[in-house]
Amino acid sequence: MNNFALFFNSFLSYLLLFVIIVAVAGIAMFIGIKMRKKKNAEEQAAISGEDKVEEVITQ
């Protein structure tokens, strides 16, 4: 029974670590996509000469 408790504890520890890594990766992807869209909008606004970058970002 002691071996099962040790195994279960180790399994939960690795499962928690996996969940944390997935959450951090998801947040990083969200931030990266958001930043890229903003940069694309700024570049598009600079090319077309528009001052309203926020309108391009929301579209």
C-alpha atoms as a PDB file:
ATOM      1  CA  MET A   1       0.000   0.000   0.000  1.00  0.00           C
ATOM      2  CA  ASN A   2       2.898   2.332   0.742  1.00  0.00           C
ATOM      3  CA  ASN A   3       4.262   1.873  -2.796  1.00  0.00           C
ATOM      4  CA  PHE A   4       0.885   2.785  -4.293  1.00  0.00           C
ATOM      5  CA  ALA A   5       0.726   5.982  -2.220  1.00  0.00           C
ATOM      6  CA  LEU A   6       4.214   6.960  -3.353  1.00  0.00           C
ATOM      7  CA  PHE A   7       3.347   6.216  -6.981  1.00  0.00           C
ATOM      8  CA  PHE A   8       0.084   8.155  -6.765  1.00  0.00           C
ATOM      9  CA  ASN A   9       1.846  11.130  -5.159  1.00  0.00           C
ATOM     10  CA  SER A  10       4.506  11.128  -7.872  1.00  0.00           C
ATOM     11  CA  PHE A  11       1.873  10.802 -10.602  1.00  0.00           C
ATOM     12  CA  LEU A  12      -0.100  13.771  -9.259  1.00  0.00           C
ATOM     13  CA  SER A  13       3.081  15.812  -8.984  1.00  0.00           C
ATOM     14  CA  TYR A  14       3.940  15.229 -12.640  1.00  0.00           C
ATOM     15  CA  LEU A  15       0.338  15.838 -13.665  1.00  0.00           C
ATOM     16  CA  LEU A  16       0.334  19.200 -11.886  1.00  0.00           C
ATOM     17  CA  LEU A  17       3.632  20.130 -13.533  1.00  0.00           C
ATOM     18  CA  PHE A  18       2.197  19.224 -16.952  1.00  0.00           C
ATOM     19  CA  VAL A  19      -0.897  21.361 -16.345  1.00  0.00           C
ATOM     20  CA  ILE A  20       1.261  24.325 -15.339  1.00  0.00           C
ATOM     21  CA  ILE A  21       3.457  23.975 -18.431  1.00  0.00           C
ATOM     22  CA  VAL A  22       0.402  23.783 -20.710  1.00  0.00           C
ATOM     23  CA  ALA A  23      -1.129  26.862 -19.062  1.00  0.00           C
ATOM     24  CA  VAL A  24       2.078  28.901 -19.452  1.00  0.00           C
ATOM     25  CA  ALA A  25       2.404  27.823 -23.086  1.00  0.00           C
ATOM     26  CA  GLY A  26      -1.219  28.790 -23.765  1.00  0.00           C
ATOM     27  CA  ILE A  27      -0.748  32.212 -22.216  1.00  0.00           C
ATOM     28  CA  ALA A  28       2.455  32.733 -24.213  1.00  0.00           C
ATOM     29  CA  MET A  29       0.673  31.798 -27.451  1.00  0.00           C
ATOM     30  CA  PHE A  30      -2.191  34.188 -26.678  1.00  0.00           C
ATOM     31  CA  ILE A  31       0.209  37.052 -25.964  1.00  0.00           C
ATOM     32  CA  GLY A  32       2.263  36.286 -29.087  1.00  0.00           C
ATOM     33  CA  ILE A  33      -0.778  36.255 -31.350  1.00  0.00           C
ATOM     34  CA  LYS A  34      -2.041  39.499 -29.804  1.00  0.00           C
ATOM     35  CA  MET A  35       1.329  41.217 -30.273  1.00  0.00           C
ATOM     36  CA  ARG A  36       1.651  40.015 -33.869  1.00  0.00           C
ATOM     37  CA  LYS A  37      -1.822  41.286 -34.767  1.00  0.00           C
ATOM     38  CA  LYS A  38      -0.956  44.662 -33.266  1.00  0.00           C
ATOM     39  CA  LYS A  39       2.311  44.846 -35.211  1.00  0.00           C
ATOM     40  CA  ASN A  40       0.573  43.874 -38.455  1.00  0.00           C
ATOM     41  CA  ALA A  41      -2.048  46.568 -37.852  1.00  0.00           C
ATOM     42  CA  GLU A  42       0.620  49.184 -37.187  1.00  0.00           C
ATOM     43  CA  GLU A  43       2.480  48.225 -40.356  1.00  0.00           C
ATOM     44  CA  GLN A  44      -0.729  48.313 -42.384  1.00  0.00           C
ATOM     45  CA  ALA A  45      -1.611  51.724 -40.941  1.00  0.00           C
ATOM     46  CA  ALA A  46       1.852  53.054 -41.763  1.00  0.00           C
ATOM     47  CA  ILE A  47       1.565  51.834 -45.349  1.00  0.00           C
ATOM     48  CA  SER A  48      -1.896  53.276 -45.899  1.00  0.00           C
ATOM     49  CA  GLY A  49      -1.169  56.466 -43.947  1.00  0.00           C
ATOM     50  CA  GLU A  50      -3.957  55.968 -41.437  1.00  0.00           C
ATOM     51  CA  ASP A  51      -3.786  57.319 -37.907  1.00  0.00           C
ATOM     52  CA  LYS A  52      -6.397  54.965 -36.466  1.00  0.00           C
ATOM     53  CA  VAL A  53      -4.461  51.796 -35.678  1.00  0.00           C
ATOM     54  CA  GLU A  54      -7.035  50.576 -33.141  1.00  0.00           C
ATOM     55  CA  GLU A  55      -9.724  50.233 -35.823  1.00  0.00           C
ATOM     56  CA  VAL A  56      -7.506  47.898 -37.828  1.00  0.00           C
ATOM     57  CA  ILE A  57      -6.689  45.808 -34.742  1.00  0.00           C
ATOM     58  CA  THR A  58     -10.332  45.144 -33.887  1.00  0.00           C
ATOM     59  CA  GLN A  59     -11.278  44.026 -37.395  1.00  0.00           C
END
